[in-house]
Amino acid sequence: MIIVMGPGHSDEQLQAVVRRIEQMGYSCHLSRGVERTIVGAVGHKDKTPLQALEQMEGVEAVIPILRPFKLASREFKREPTIVNVEGVSIGGPEIVVIAGPCSVESEKQVMDTARAVQAAGAKMLRGGAYKPRTSPYAFQGLEEDGLKILLAAKAETGLKIVTEIVSVGDLEVLLKYADILQVGARNCQNYALLRAVGQAQKPVLLKRGMSATIQEYLMAAEYCLNEGNYDIMLCERGIRTFETETRFTLDLNAVPVLKNLTHLPVLVDPSHGTGHWRLVAPMARAAIAAGCDGLLVEVHPEPANALSDGSQSLKPIKFERLMEEIRRVAEAMGRAI
């Protein structure tokens, strides 16, 4: 249910409604929009009905949320959510580009990449220090040593750090370094991990699972939101289909669909979505035309020698050309990069 507060309601009236909802056994989530203030009441169906709240002072209406994803829905919050990460806004008029290697391999590799993508216009640096790999024999990441390298790159370039969390046990150390915690496709429905990052109150970039429907995906985001963390960003990174010419099928339909269903920012990862560096630029252009709020692009100074995902990584010079191309697309869409 959402409880819509009437125009001109007082803070005392709002707090009285919140107290009453909590006394009835529901959890409360506030959304203060430009036009109205909404209190989301989340709980099991067998709890006391909330319709009686319409009689309280300051309340305009009590409306059921029909979607199973309550807090992620446009019904709960009409205005788009803008996630602010140390001065970089995701979800607003500007399209934010996050770029960097799949894995942190060395200080030189990361520093060379960070300098190049920052010069080309990226605002954030992606890099995996903890790497969940299909094979247990593949490179698993440098762990905290890799995080220290990312932090050094941030100190020099100012790029914010986006890095993946794969285990609840790694959360404490990651919180010391990361500006955004990335939950990868393999952990999209790892509910213990989603609850933990929700409780951490750190911005979260949630990638869509390779077999997750859009409703399942939004229910995954709901786990974080229900813990009181509203700085959640979604990322379409391709789904598994019968097609074998690409690594995954990049579902650009998901961008306008998600934009219609949720207030959360929507990003696209054309690198994982295609698995081929030649396809990254056209899919990045298409993603912006579809209405995404940001891009994740894999960049490596020597893709042929990368320890992971070299085939889908751009060289810095190709990334620079990509940025020039997508700026023109963004301008045509009335946005900027």
C-alpha atoms as a PDB file:
ATOM      1  CA  MET A   1       0.000   0.000   0.000  1.00  0.00           C
ATOM      2  CA  ILE A   2       1.002   3.620  -0.446  1.00  0.00           C
ATOM      3  CA  ILE A   3      -0.354   6.352   1.760  1.00  0.00           C
ATOM      4  CA  VAL A   4      -0.517   9.643  -0.123  1.00  0.00           C
ATOM      5  CA  MET A   5      -0.186  12.671   2.106  1.00  0.00           C
ATOM      6  CA  GLY A   6      -2.344  15.630   1.175  1.00  0.00           C
ATOM      7  CA  PRO A   7      -0.988  19.025   0.124  1.00  0.00           C
ATOM      8  CA  GLY A   8      -0.015  21.154   3.075  1.00  0.00           C
ATOM      9  CA  HIS A   9       0.287  18.268   5.533  1.00  0.00           C
ATOM     10  CA  SER A  10       2.454  18.949   8.557  1.00  0.00           C
ATOM     11  CA  ASP A  11       5.486  17.019   9.741  1.00  0.00           C
ATOM     12  CA  GLU A  12       3.538  16.091  12.875  1.00  0.00           C
ATOM     13  CA  GLN A  13       0.764  14.561  10.764  1.00  0.00           C
ATOM     14  CA  LEU A  14       3.308  12.633   8.678  1.00  0.00           C
ATOM     15  CA  GLN A  15       5.062  11.260  11.760  1.00  0.00           C
ATOM     16  CA  ALA A  16       1.718  10.257  13.270  1.00  0.00           C
ATOM     17  CA  VAL A  17       0.937   8.239  10.121  1.00  0.00           C
ATOM     18  CA  VAL A  18       4.385   6.591  10.197  1.00  0.00           C
ATOM     19  CA  ARG A  19       3.967   5.640  13.869  1.00  0.00           C
ATOM     20  CA  ARG A  20       0.532   4.169  13.220  1.00  0.00           C
ATOM     21  CA  ILE A  21       1.768   2.097  10.275  1.00  0.00           C
ATOM     22  CA  GLU A  22       4.630   0.685  12.347  1.00  0.00           C
ATOM     23  CA  GLN A  23       2.257  -0.088  15.224  1.00  0.00           C
ATOM     24  CA  MET A  24       0.190  -2.131  12.749  1.00  0.00           C
ATOM     25  CA  GLY A  25       3.253  -4.264  11.965  1.00  0.00           C
ATOM     26  CA  TYR A  26       4.332  -2.797   8.613  1.00  0.00           C
ATOM     27  CA  SER A  27       7.679  -1.315   7.611  1.00  0.00           C
ATOM     28  CA  CYS A  28       7.658   2.284   6.360  1.00  0.00           C
ATOM     29  CA  HIS A  29       9.450   3.800   3.379  1.00  0.00           C
ATOM     30  CA  LEU A  30       9.208   7.540   2.686  1.00  0.00           C
ATOM     31  CA  SER A  31       9.260   9.072  -0.783  1.00  0.00           C
ATOM     32  CA  ARG A  32       9.289  12.871  -0.870  1.00  0.00           C
ATOM     33  CA  GLY A  33       8.593  13.963  -4.423  1.00  0.00           C
ATOM     34  CA  VAL A  34       8.196  17.375  -6.011  1.00  0.00           C
ATOM     35  CA  GLU A  35       4.400  17.170  -5.988  1.00  0.00           C
ATOM     36  CA  ARG A  36       3.590  14.815  -3.125  1.00  0.00           C
ATOM     37  CA  THR A  37       4.880  12.810  -0.200  1.00  0.00           C
ATOM     38  CA  ILE A  38       4.192   9.082  -0.133  1.00  0.00           C
ATOM     39  CA  VAL A  39       4.570   6.592   2.673  1.00  0.00           C
ATOM     40  CA  GLY A  40       5.063   3.040   1.458  1.00  0.00           C
ATOM     41  CA  ALA A  41       3.759   0.397   3.878  1.00  0.00           C
ATOM     42  CA  VAL A  42       5.251  -3.027   3.218  1.00  0.00           C
ATOM     43  CA  GLY A  43       4.160  -6.194   4.970  1.00  0.00           C
ATOM     44  CA  HIS A  44       2.374  -9.508   4.614  1.00  0.00           C
ATOM     45  CA  LYS A  45      -1.196  -9.706   3.351  1.00  0.00           C
ATOM     46  CA  ASP A  46      -2.459 -11.093   6.663  1.00  0.00           C
ATOM     47  CA  LYS A  47      -1.635  -7.917   8.586  1.00  0.00           C
ATOM     48  CA  THR A  48      -4.262  -5.378   9.631  1.00  0.00           C
ATOM     49  CA  PRO A  49      -5.769  -3.576   6.605  1.00  0.00           C
ATOM     50  CA  LEU A  50      -4.520  -0.026   6.105  1.00  0.00           C
ATOM     51  CA  GLN A  51      -7.645   1.572   4.653  1.00  0.00           C
ATOM     52  CA  ALA A  52      -8.508   3.037   8.067  1.00  0.00           C
ATOM     53  CA  LEU A  53      -5.547   5.398   7.693  1.00  0.00           C
ATOM     54  CA  GLU A  54      -7.623   7.468   5.266  1.00  0.00           C
ATOM     55  CA  GLN A  55      -9.341   8.892   8.353  1.00  0.00           C
ATOM     56  CA  MET A  56      -6.112  10.331   9.760  1.00  0.00           C
ATOM     57  CA  GLU A  57      -5.335  14.025   9.446  1.00  0.00           C
ATOM     58  CA  GLY A  58      -3.115  14.926   6.521  1.00  0.00           C
ATOM     59  CA  VAL A  59      -3.847  11.742   4.551  1.00  0.00           C
ATOM     60  CA  GLU A  60      -5.239  12.180   1.052  1.00  0.00           C
ATOM     61  CA  ALA A  61      -5.602   8.561  -0.040  1.00  0.00           C
ATOM     62  CA  VAL A  62      -4.576   4.963   0.635  1.00  0.00           C
ATOM     63  CA  ILE A  63      -3.812   3.138  -2.632  1.00  0.00           C
ATOM     64  CA  PRO A  64      -2.741  -0.461  -3.202  1.00  0.00           C
ATOM     65  CA  ILE A  65       0.424  -1.077  -5.227  1.00  0.00           C
ATOM     66  CA  LEU A  66      -0.495  -3.717  -7.769  1.00  0.00           C
ATOM     67  CA  ARG A  67       3.040  -4.672  -8.772  1.00  0.00           C
ATOM     68  CA  PRO A  68       4.856  -7.312  -6.693  1.00  0.00           C
ATOM     69  CA  PHE A  69       7.909  -5.002  -6.615  1.00  0.00           C
ATOM     70  CA  LYS A  70       6.519  -2.323  -4.337  1.00  0.00           C
ATOM     71  CA  LEU A  71       9.363   0.091  -3.619  1.00  0.00           C
ATOM     72  CA  ALA A  72      10.920  -0.176  -7.087  1.00  0.00           C
ATOM     73  CA  SER A  73       7.659   0.658  -8.850  1.00  0.00           C
ATOM     74  CA  ARG A  74       6.614   3.918 -10.454  1.00  0.00           C
ATOM     75  CA  GLU A  75       3.493   3.729  -8.329  1.00  0.00           C
ATOM     76  CA  PHE A  76       5.599   4.281  -5.233  1.00  0.00           C
ATOM     77  CA  LYS A  77       7.775   7.021  -6.755  1.00  0.00           C
ATOM     78  CA  ARG A  78       6.864   8.900  -9.922  1.00  0.00           C
ATOM     79  CA  GLU A  79      10.026  10.986 -10.233  1.00  0.00           C
ATOM     80  CA  PRO A  80      13.174   9.254 -11.487  1.00  0.00           C
ATOM     81  CA  THR A  81      15.656   8.393  -8.763  1.00  0.00           C
ATOM     82  CA  ILE A  82      18.989  10.159  -9.153  1.00  0.00           C
ATOM     83  CA  VAL A  83      21.878   8.450  -7.396  1.00  0.00           C
ATOM     84  CA  ASN A  84      24.607  10.871  -6.346  1.00  0.00           C
ATOM     85  CA  VAL A  85      28.063   9.345  -5.980  1.00  0.00           C
ATOM     86  CA  GLU A  86      30.448  11.973  -4.634  1.00  0.00           C
ATOM     87  CA  GLY A  87      29.133  14.596  -7.023  1.00  0.00           C
ATOM     88  CA  VAL A  88      28.481  12.319 -10.006  1.00  0.00           C
ATOM     89  CA  SER A  89      24.743  11.975 -10.656  1.00  0.00           C
ATOM     90  CA  ILE A  90      23.328   8.859 -12.289  1.00  0.00           C
ATOM     91  CA  GLY A  91      19.748   8.975 -13.509  1.00  0.00           C
ATOM     92  CA  GLY A  92      19.598  12.639 -14.429  1.00  0.00           C
ATOM     93  CA  PRO A  93      20.071  14.459 -17.758  1.00  0.00           C
ATOM     94  CA  GLU A  94      23.725  13.427 -18.085  1.00  0.00           C
ATOM     95  CA  ILE A  95      24.630   9.933 -19.278  1.00  0.00           C
ATOM     96  CA  VAL A  96      27.438   8.548 -17.117  1.00  0.00           C
ATOM     97  CA  VAL A  97      30.095   6.270 -18.575  1.00  0.00           C
ATOM     98  CA  ILE A  98      31.857   3.737 -16.354  1.00  0.00           C
ATOM     99  CA  ALA A  99      34.945   2.215 -17.941  1.00  0.00           C
ATOM    100  CA  GLY A 100      37.868   0.008 -17.058  1.00  0.00           C
ATOM    101  CA  PRO A 101      39.222  -3.522 -17.136  1.00  0.00           C
ATOM    102  CA  CYS A 102      37.289  -6.633 -16.212  1.00  0.00           C
ATOM    103  CA  SER A 103      39.978  -7.568 -13.685  1.00  0.00           C
ATOM    104  CA  VAL A 104      42.600  -5.608 -11.792  1.00  0.00           C
ATOM    105  CA  GLU A 105      45.817  -7.270 -12.917  1.00  0.00           C
ATOM    106  CA  SER A 106      48.586  -4.817 -12.050  1.00  0.00           C
ATOM    107  CA  GLU A 107      49.153  -1.234 -10.971  1.00  0.00           C
ATOM    108  CA  LYS A 108      50.443  -0.226 -14.405  1.00  0.00           C
ATOM    109  CA  GLN A 109      47.472  -1.791 -16.198  1.00  0.00           C
ATOM    110  CA  VAL A 110      44.949   0.020 -14.002  1.00  0.00           C
ATOM    111  CA  MET A 111      46.744   3.371 -13.932  1.00  0.00           C
ATOM    112  CA  ASP A 112      47.227   3.426 -17.717  1.00  0.00           C
ATOM    113  CA  THR A 113      43.559   2.563 -18.226  1.00  0.00           C
ATOM    114  CA  ALA A 114      42.301   5.057 -15.649  1.00  0.00           C
ATOM    115  CA  ARG A 115      44.261   7.928 -17.168  1.00  0.00           C
ATOM    116  CA  ALA A 116      43.017   7.087 -20.649  1.00  0.00           C
ATOM    117  CA  VAL A 117      39.314   6.704 -19.834  1.00  0.00           C
ATOM    118  CA  GLN A 118      39.322   9.811 -17.629  1.00  0.00           C
ATOM    119  CA  ALA A 119      40.836  11.856 -20.448  1.00  0.00           C
ATOM    120  CA  ALA A 120      38.171  10.541 -22.829  1.00  0.00           C
ATOM    121  CA  GLY A 121      35.320  11.555 -20.521  1.00  0.00           C
ATOM    122  CA  ALA A 122      34.488   8.578 -18.288  1.00  0.00           C
ATOM    123  CA  LYS A 123      33.364   9.511 -14.771  1.00  0.00           C
ATOM    124  CA  MET A 124      33.896   6.181 -13.029  1.00  0.00           C
ATOM    125  CA  LEU A 125      36.442   3.380 -13.075  1.00  0.00           C
ATOM    126  CA  ARG A 126      35.314  -0.248 -13.090  1.00  0.00           C
ATOM    127  CA  GLY A 127      37.632  -3.053 -12.093  1.00  0.00           C
ATOM    128  CA  GLY A 128      37.200  -6.438 -10.475  1.00  0.00           C
ATOM    129  CA  ALA A 129      39.321  -7.303  -7.437  1.00  0.00           C
ATOM    130  CA  TYR A 130      37.204 -10.327  -6.510  1.00  0.00           C
ATOM    131  CA  LYS A 131      36.339 -12.287  -9.639  1.00  0.00           C
ATOM    132  CA  PRO A 132      33.653 -14.995  -9.802  1.00  0.00           C
ATOM    133  CA  ARG A 133      34.730 -17.164 -12.724  1.00  0.00           C
ATOM    134  CA  THR A 134      33.104 -20.110 -14.447  1.00  0.00           C
ATOM    135  CA  SER A 135      36.281 -22.161 -13.967  1.00  0.00           C
ATOM    136  CA  PRO A 136      37.874 -22.528 -10.507  1.00  0.00           C
ATOM    137  CA  TYR A 137      41.260 -22.566 -12.279  1.00  0.00           C
ATOM    138  CA  ALA A 138      40.804 -19.152 -13.905  1.00  0.00           C
ATOM    139  CA  PHE A 139      42.230 -15.928 -12.464  1.00  0.00           C
ATOM    140  CA  GLN A 140      40.210 -15.050  -9.355  1.00  0.00           C
ATOM    141  CA  GLY A 141      41.429 -11.508  -8.742  1.00  0.00           C
ATOM    142  CA  LEU A 142      43.966  -9.718  -6.518  1.00  0.00           C
ATOM    143  CA  GLU A 143      41.418  -9.117  -3.741  1.00  0.00           C
ATOM    144  CA  GLU A 144      42.395  -6.302  -1.326  1.00  0.00           C
ATOM    145  CA  ASP A 145      45.658  -5.636  -3.155  1.00  0.00           C
ATOM    146  CA  GLY A 146      43.531  -4.951  -6.237  1.00  0.00           C
ATOM    147  CA  LEU A 147      41.308  -2.590  -4.270  1.00  0.00           C
ATOM    148  CA  LYS A 148      44.367  -0.624  -3.158  1.00  0.00           C
ATOM    149  CA  ILE A 149      45.366  -0.208  -6.803  1.00  0.00           C
ATOM    150  CA  LEU A 150      41.887   1.088  -7.657  1.00  0.00           C
ATOM    151  CA  LEU A 151      42.083   3.557  -4.779  1.00  0.00           C
ATOM    152  CA  ALA A 152      45.426   4.848  -6.055  1.00  0.00           C
ATOM    153  CA  ALA A 153      43.871   5.354  -9.494  1.00  0.00           C
ATOM    154  CA  LYS A 154      41.013   7.291  -7.924  1.00  0.00           C
ATOM    155  CA  ALA A 155      43.458   9.500  -6.014  1.00  0.00           C
ATOM    156  CA  GLU A 156      45.204  10.476  -9.241  1.00  0.00           C
ATOM    157  CA  THR A 157      42.290  10.746 -11.681  1.00  0.00           C
ATOM    158  CA  GLY A 158      39.262  11.470  -9.494  1.00  0.00           C
ATOM    159  CA  LEU A 159      37.341   8.569 -11.039  1.00  0.00           C
ATOM    160  CA  LYS A 160      34.868   6.924  -8.664  1.00  0.00           C
ATOM    161  CA  ILE A 161      35.378   3.216  -8.034  1.00  0.00           C
ATOM    162  CA  VAL A 162      32.886   0.560  -9.144  1.00  0.00           C
ATOM    163  CA  THR A 163      33.860  -2.953  -8.104  1.00  0.00           C
ATOM    164  CA  GLU A 164      32.091  -6.260  -7.655  1.00  0.00           C
ATOM    165  CA  ILE A 165      31.107  -7.946  -4.425  1.00  0.00           C
ATOM    166  CA  VAL A 166      30.761 -11.733  -4.619  1.00  0.00           C
ATOM    167  CA  SER A 167      30.436 -12.687  -0.952  1.00  0.00           C
ATOM    168  CA  VAL A 168      28.899 -11.223   2.199  1.00  0.00           C
ATOM    169  CA  GLY A 169      32.207 -11.979   3.882  1.00  0.00           C
ATOM    170  CA  ASP A 170      33.996  -9.463   1.632  1.00  0.00           C
ATOM    171  CA  LEU A 171      31.636  -6.594   2.426  1.00  0.00           C
ATOM    172  CA  GLU A 172      33.591  -5.062   5.295  1.00  0.00           C
ATOM    173  CA  VAL A 173      36.793  -4.671   3.295  1.00  0.00           C
ATOM    174  CA  LEU A 174      35.002  -3.507   0.130  1.00  0.00           C
ATOM    175  CA  LEU A 175      33.266  -0.707   2.030  1.00  0.00           C
ATOM    176  CA  LYS A 176      36.686   0.824   2.705  1.00  0.00           C
ATOM    177  CA  TYR A 177      37.431   1.232  -1.003  1.00  0.00           C
ATOM    178  CA  ALA A 178      34.348   1.088  -3.235  1.00  0.00           C
ATOM    179  CA  ASP A 179      32.123   4.011  -4.171  1.00  0.00           C
ATOM    180  CA  ILE A 180      29.608   1.660  -5.818  1.00  0.00           C
ATOM    181  CA  LEU A 181      29.152  -2.020  -5.014  1.00  0.00           C
ATOM    182  CA  GLN A 182      28.427  -4.051  -8.132  1.00  0.00           C
ATOM    183  CA  VAL A 183      26.313  -7.176  -7.724  1.00  0.00           C
ATOM    184  CA  GLY A 184      27.033  -9.297 -10.773  1.00  0.00           C
ATOM    185  CA  ALA A 185      24.708 -11.372 -12.904  1.00  0.00           C
ATOM    186  CA  ARG A 186      25.574 -14.592 -11.088  1.00  0.00           C
ATOM    187  CA  ASN A 187      24.501 -13.046  -7.780  1.00  0.00           C
ATOM    188  CA  CYS A 188      21.385 -11.259  -9.053  1.00  0.00           C
ATOM    189  CA  GLN A 189      19.215 -13.595  -6.974  1.00  0.00           C
ATOM    190  CA  ASN A 190      21.613 -14.185  -4.093  1.00  0.00           C
ATOM    191  CA  TYR A 191      19.152 -12.865  -1.535  1.00  0.00           C
ATOM    192  CA  ALA A 192      21.528 -12.967   1.448  1.00  0.00           C
ATOM    193  CA  LEU A 193      23.994 -10.810  -0.493  1.00  0.00           C
ATOM    194  CA  LEU A 194      21.246  -8.433  -1.652  1.00  0.00           C
ATOM    195  CA  ARG A 195      20.083  -7.927   1.929  1.00  0.00           C
ATOM    196  CA  ALA A 196      23.654  -7.289   3.064  1.00  0.00           C
ATOM    197  CA  VAL A 197      24.404  -4.620   0.456  1.00  0.00           C
ATOM    198  CA  GLY A 198      21.018  -3.078   1.170  1.00  0.00           C
ATOM    199  CA  GLN A 199      21.922  -2.747   4.836  1.00  0.00           C
ATOM    200  CA  ALA A 200      25.353  -1.330   3.971  1.00  0.00           C
ATOM    201  CA  GLN A 201      23.805   1.920   2.663  1.00  0.00           C
ATOM    202  CA  LYS A 202      26.353   2.137  -0.171  1.00  0.00           C
ATOM    203  CA  PRO A 203      25.212   2.752  -3.793  1.00  0.00           C
ATOM    204  CA  VAL A 204      24.565  -0.558  -5.549  1.00  0.00           C
ATOM    205  CA  LEU A 205      24.832  -1.419  -9.234  1.00  0.00           C
ATOM    206  CA  LEU A 206      22.685  -4.519  -9.739  1.00  0.00           C
ATOM    207  CA  LYS A 207      23.260  -6.469 -12.935  1.00  0.00           C
ATOM    208  CA  ARG A 208      20.466  -8.499 -14.445  1.00  0.00           C
ATOM    209  CA  GLY A 209      20.845 -12.251 -14.129  1.00  0.00           C
ATOM    210  CA  MET A 210      21.426 -14.022 -17.410  1.00  0.00           C
ATOM    211  CA  SER A 211      18.151 -15.960 -17.011  1.00  0.00           C
ATOM    212  CA  ALA A 212      16.143 -13.467 -14.945  1.00  0.00           C
ATOM    213  CA  THR A 213      12.864 -12.061 -16.220  1.00  0.00           C
ATOM    214  CA  ILE A 214      12.351  -8.340 -15.749  1.00  0.00           C
ATOM    215  CA  GLN A 215       9.932  -8.984 -12.894  1.00  0.00           C
ATOM    216  CA  GLU A 216      12.430 -11.291 -11.180  1.00  0.00           C
ATOM    217  CA  TYR A 217      15.097  -8.646 -11.719  1.00  0.00           C
ATOM    218  CA  LEU A 218      13.027  -5.924 -10.090  1.00  0.00           C
ATOM    219  CA  MET A 219      12.182  -8.231  -7.203  1.00  0.00           C
ATOM    220  CA  ALA A 220      15.935  -8.627  -6.679  1.00  0.00           C
ATOM    221  CA  ALA A 221      16.253  -4.830  -6.468  1.00  0.00           C
ATOM    222  CA  GLU A 222      13.364  -4.877  -4.005  1.00  0.00           C
ATOM    223  CA  TYR A 223      15.501  -6.836  -1.543  1.00  0.00           C
ATOM    224  CA  CYS A 224      17.977  -3.934  -1.383  1.00  0.00           C
ATOM    225  CA  LEU A 225      15.291  -1.267  -1.274  1.00  0.00           C
ATOM    226  CA  ASN A 226      13.456  -3.054   1.523  1.00  0.00           C
ATOM    227  CA  GLU A 227      16.583  -2.732   3.672  1.00  0.00           C
ATOM    228  CA  GLY A 228      16.351   1.063   3.343  1.00  0.00           C
ATOM    229  CA  ASN A 229      18.970   1.530   0.612  1.00  0.00           C
ATOM    230  CA  TYR A 230      17.394   3.614  -2.148  1.00  0.00           C
ATOM    231  CA  ASP A 231      20.616   4.222  -4.125  1.00  0.00           C
ATOM    232  CA  ILE A 232      20.074   1.259  -6.427  1.00  0.00           C
ATOM    233  CA  MET A 233      20.990   1.266 -10.124  1.00  0.00           C
ATOM    234  CA  LEU A 234      20.007  -1.399 -12.630  1.00  0.00           C
ATOM    235  CA  CYS A 235      22.219  -2.713 -15.424  1.00  0.00           C
ATOM    236  CA  GLU A 236      21.108  -4.725 -18.452  1.00  0.00           C
ATOM    237  CA  ARG A 237      24.045  -6.912 -19.485  1.00  0.00           C
ATOM    238  CA  GLY A 238      22.534  -9.492 -21.795  1.00  0.00           C
ATOM    239  CA  ILE A 239      20.473 -12.606 -21.272  1.00  0.00           C
ATOM    240  CA  ARG A 240      21.037 -16.202 -22.326  1.00  0.00           C
ATOM    241  CA  THR A 241      19.131 -17.254 -25.452  1.00  0.00           C
ATOM    242  CA  PHE A 242      19.585 -19.839 -28.216  1.00  0.00           C
ATOM    243  CA  GLU A 243      21.856 -17.464 -30.178  1.00  0.00           C
ATOM    244  CA  THR A 244      25.545 -18.417 -30.294  1.00  0.00           C
ATOM    245  CA  GLU A 245      27.068 -15.677 -32.454  1.00  0.00           C
ATOM    246  CA  THR A 246      27.268 -13.403 -29.426  1.00  0.00           C
ATOM    247  CA  ARG A 247      28.187 -14.176 -25.826  1.00  0.00           C
ATOM    248  CA  PHE A 248      24.693 -13.158 -24.681  1.00  0.00           C
ATOM    249  CA  THR A 249      21.709 -11.439 -26.266  1.00  0.00           C
ATOM    250  CA  LEU A 250      21.737  -7.779 -25.229  1.00  0.00           C
ATOM    251  CA  ASP A 251      18.089  -7.099 -24.375  1.00  0.00           C
ATOM    252  CA  LEU A 252      17.720  -3.419 -25.244  1.00  0.00           C
ATOM    253  CA  ASN A 253      13.952  -3.853 -24.987  1.00  0.00           C
ATOM    254  CA  ALA A 254      14.584  -3.943 -21.254  1.00  0.00           C
ATOM    255  CA  VAL A 255      15.648  -0.293 -21.170  1.00  0.00           C
ATOM    256  CA  PRO A 256      12.290   1.306 -22.081  1.00  0.00           C
ATOM    257  CA  VAL A 257      10.410  -1.468 -20.275  1.00  0.00           C
ATOM    258  CA  LEU A 258      12.302  -0.796 -17.045  1.00  0.00           C
ATOM    259  CA  LYS A 259      11.965   2.955 -17.512  1.00  0.00           C
ATOM    260  CA  ASN A 260       8.200   2.490 -17.611  1.00  0.00           C
ATOM    261  CA  LEU A 261       8.045   0.166 -14.609  1.00  0.00           C
ATOM    262  CA  THR A 262      10.572   1.652 -12.189  1.00  0.00           C
ATOM    263  CA  HIS A 263      12.020   4.940 -11.023  1.00  0.00           C
ATOM    264  CA  LEU A 264      15.518   3.453 -10.667  1.00  0.00           C
ATOM    265  CA  PRO A 265      18.342   4.448 -13.078  1.00  0.00           C
ATOM    266  CA  VAL A 266      18.992   1.994 -15.915  1.00  0.00           C
ATOM    267  CA  LEU A 267      22.460   1.345 -17.333  1.00  0.00           C
ATOM    268  CA  VAL A 268      23.647  -0.966 -20.108  1.00  0.00           C
ATOM    269  CA  ASP A 269      26.779  -3.110 -20.412  1.00  0.00           C
ATOM    270  CA  PRO A 270      27.423  -3.653 -24.144  1.00  0.00           C
ATOM    271  CA  SER A 271      30.713  -5.445 -23.423  1.00  0.00           C
ATOM    272  CA  HIS A 272      29.256  -8.426 -21.569  1.00  0.00           C
ATOM    273  CA  GLY A 273      26.075  -8.182 -23.595  1.00  0.00           C
ATOM    274  CA  THR A 274      27.865  -9.006 -26.839  1.00  0.00           C
ATOM    275  CA  GLY A 275      31.235 -10.510 -25.891  1.00  0.00           C
ATOM    276  CA  HIS A 276      32.897  -8.957 -28.966  1.00  0.00           C
ATOM    277  CA  TRP A 277      34.753  -5.642 -28.989  1.00  0.00           C
ATOM    278  CA  ARG A 278      33.557  -4.866 -32.529  1.00  0.00           C
ATOM    279  CA  LEU A 279      29.935  -4.886 -31.315  1.00  0.00           C
ATOM    280  CA  VAL A 280      30.438  -2.658 -28.269  1.00  0.00           C
ATOM    281  CA  ALA A 281      30.224   0.696 -30.083  1.00  0.00           C
ATOM    282  CA  PRO A 282      27.036  -0.012 -32.091  1.00  0.00           C
ATOM    283  CA  MET A 283      25.285  -1.448 -29.037  1.00  0.00           C
ATOM    284  CA  ALA A 284      26.425   1.498 -26.901  1.00  0.00           C
ATOM    285  CA  ARG A 285      24.935   3.897 -29.439  1.00  0.00           C
ATOM    286  CA  ALA A 286      21.716   1.903 -29.525  1.00  0.00           C
ATOM    287  CA  ALA A 287      21.519   1.783 -25.716  1.00  0.00           C
ATOM    288  CA  ILE A 288      21.640   5.574 -25.505  1.00  0.00           C
ATOM    289  CA  ALA A 289      18.982   5.858 -28.188  1.00  0.00           C
ATOM    290  CA  ALA A 290      16.839   3.452 -26.153  1.00  0.00           C
ATOM    291  CA  GLY A 291      17.050   5.791 -23.155  1.00  0.00           C
ATOM    292  CA  CYS A 292      19.684   4.372 -20.798  1.00  0.00           C
ATOM    293  CA  ASP A 293      21.222   6.507 -18.046  1.00  0.00           C
ATOM    294  CA  GLY A 294      24.735   5.135 -18.314  1.00  0.00           C
ATOM    295  CA  LEU A 295      27.122   2.629 -19.859  1.00  0.00           C
ATOM    296  CA  LEU A 296      29.625   0.097 -18.537  1.00  0.00           C
ATOM    297  CA  VAL A 297      32.440  -0.446 -21.001  1.00  0.00           C
ATOM    298  CA  GLU A 298      35.416  -2.750 -20.608  1.00  0.00           C
ATOM    299  CA  VAL A 299      38.737  -1.113 -21.533  1.00  0.00           C
ATOM    300  CA  HIS A 300      42.188  -2.694 -21.363  1.00  0.00           C
ATOM    301  CA  PRO A 301      45.547  -1.370 -22.627  1.00  0.00           C
ATOM    302  CA  GLU A 302      46.438  -4.814 -24.023  1.00  0.00           C
ATOM    303  CA  PRO A 303      43.252  -6.848 -24.591  1.00  0.00           C
ATOM    304  CA  ALA A 304      45.188  -9.716 -26.187  1.00  0.00           C
ATOM    305  CA  ASN A 305      47.023 -10.228 -22.886  1.00  0.00           C
ATOM    306  CA  ALA A 306      44.062  -9.666 -20.541  1.00  0.00           C
ATOM    307  CA  LEU A 307      43.535 -12.266 -17.830  1.00  0.00           C
ATOM    308  CA  SER A 308      39.766 -12.084 -18.369  1.00  0.00           C
ATOM    309  CA  ASP A 309      37.354 -10.850 -21.051  1.00  0.00           C
ATOM    310  CA  GLY A 310      40.004  -9.575 -23.456  1.00  0.00           C
ATOM    311  CA  SER A 311      37.848 -10.344 -26.489  1.00  0.00           C
ATOM    312  CA  GLN A 312      35.203  -7.829 -25.430  1.00  0.00           C
ATOM    313  CA  SER A 313      37.560  -5.102 -24.182  1.00  0.00           C
ATOM    314  CA  LEU A 314      38.331  -1.923 -26.097  1.00  0.00           C
ATOM    315  CA  LYS A 315      41.810  -0.483 -26.414  1.00  0.00           C
ATOM    316  CA  PRO A 316      42.012   3.088 -25.041  1.00  0.00           C
ATOM    317  CA  ILE A 317      42.118   4.603 -28.553  1.00  0.00           C
ATOM    318  CA  LYS A 318      38.936   2.758 -29.522  1.00  0.00           C
ATOM    319  CA  PHE A 319      37.278   3.886 -26.299  1.00  0.00           C
ATOM    320  CA  GLU A 320      38.139   7.487 -27.145  1.00  0.00           C
ATOM    321  CA  ARG A 321      36.432   7.087 -30.532  1.00  0.00           C
ATOM    322  CA  LEU A 322      33.430   5.476 -28.853  1.00  0.00           C
ATOM    323  CA  MET A 323      33.033   8.482 -26.552  1.00  0.00           C
ATOM    324  CA  GLU A 324      33.030  10.822 -29.538  1.00  0.00           C
ATOM    325  CA  GLU A 325      30.315   8.759 -31.227  1.00  0.00           C
ATOM    326  CA  ILE A 326      28.016   8.424 -28.243  1.00  0.00           C
ATOM    327  CA  ARG A 327      28.262  12.131 -27.430  1.00  0.00           C
ATOM    328  CA  ARG A 328      26.590  12.854 -30.751  1.00  0.00           C
ATOM    329  CA  VAL A 329      23.852  10.296 -30.055  1.00  0.00           C
ATOM    330  CA  ALA A 330      23.294  11.728 -26.587  1.00  0.00           C
ATOM    331  CA  GLU A 331      22.971  15.242 -27.999  1.00  0.00           C
ATOM    332  CA  ALA A 332      20.388  14.010 -30.511  1.00  0.00           C
ATOM    333  CA  MET A 333      18.425  12.582 -27.550  1.00  0.00           C
ATOM    334  CA  GLY A 334      18.581  15.900 -25.676  1.00  0.00           C
ATOM    335  CA  ARG A 335      21.151  14.612 -23.180  1.00  0.00           C
ATOM    336  CA  ALA A 336      24.867  15.012 -22.561  1.00  0.00           C
ATOM    337  CA  ILE A 337      27.901  12.903 -21.680  1.00  0.00           C
END
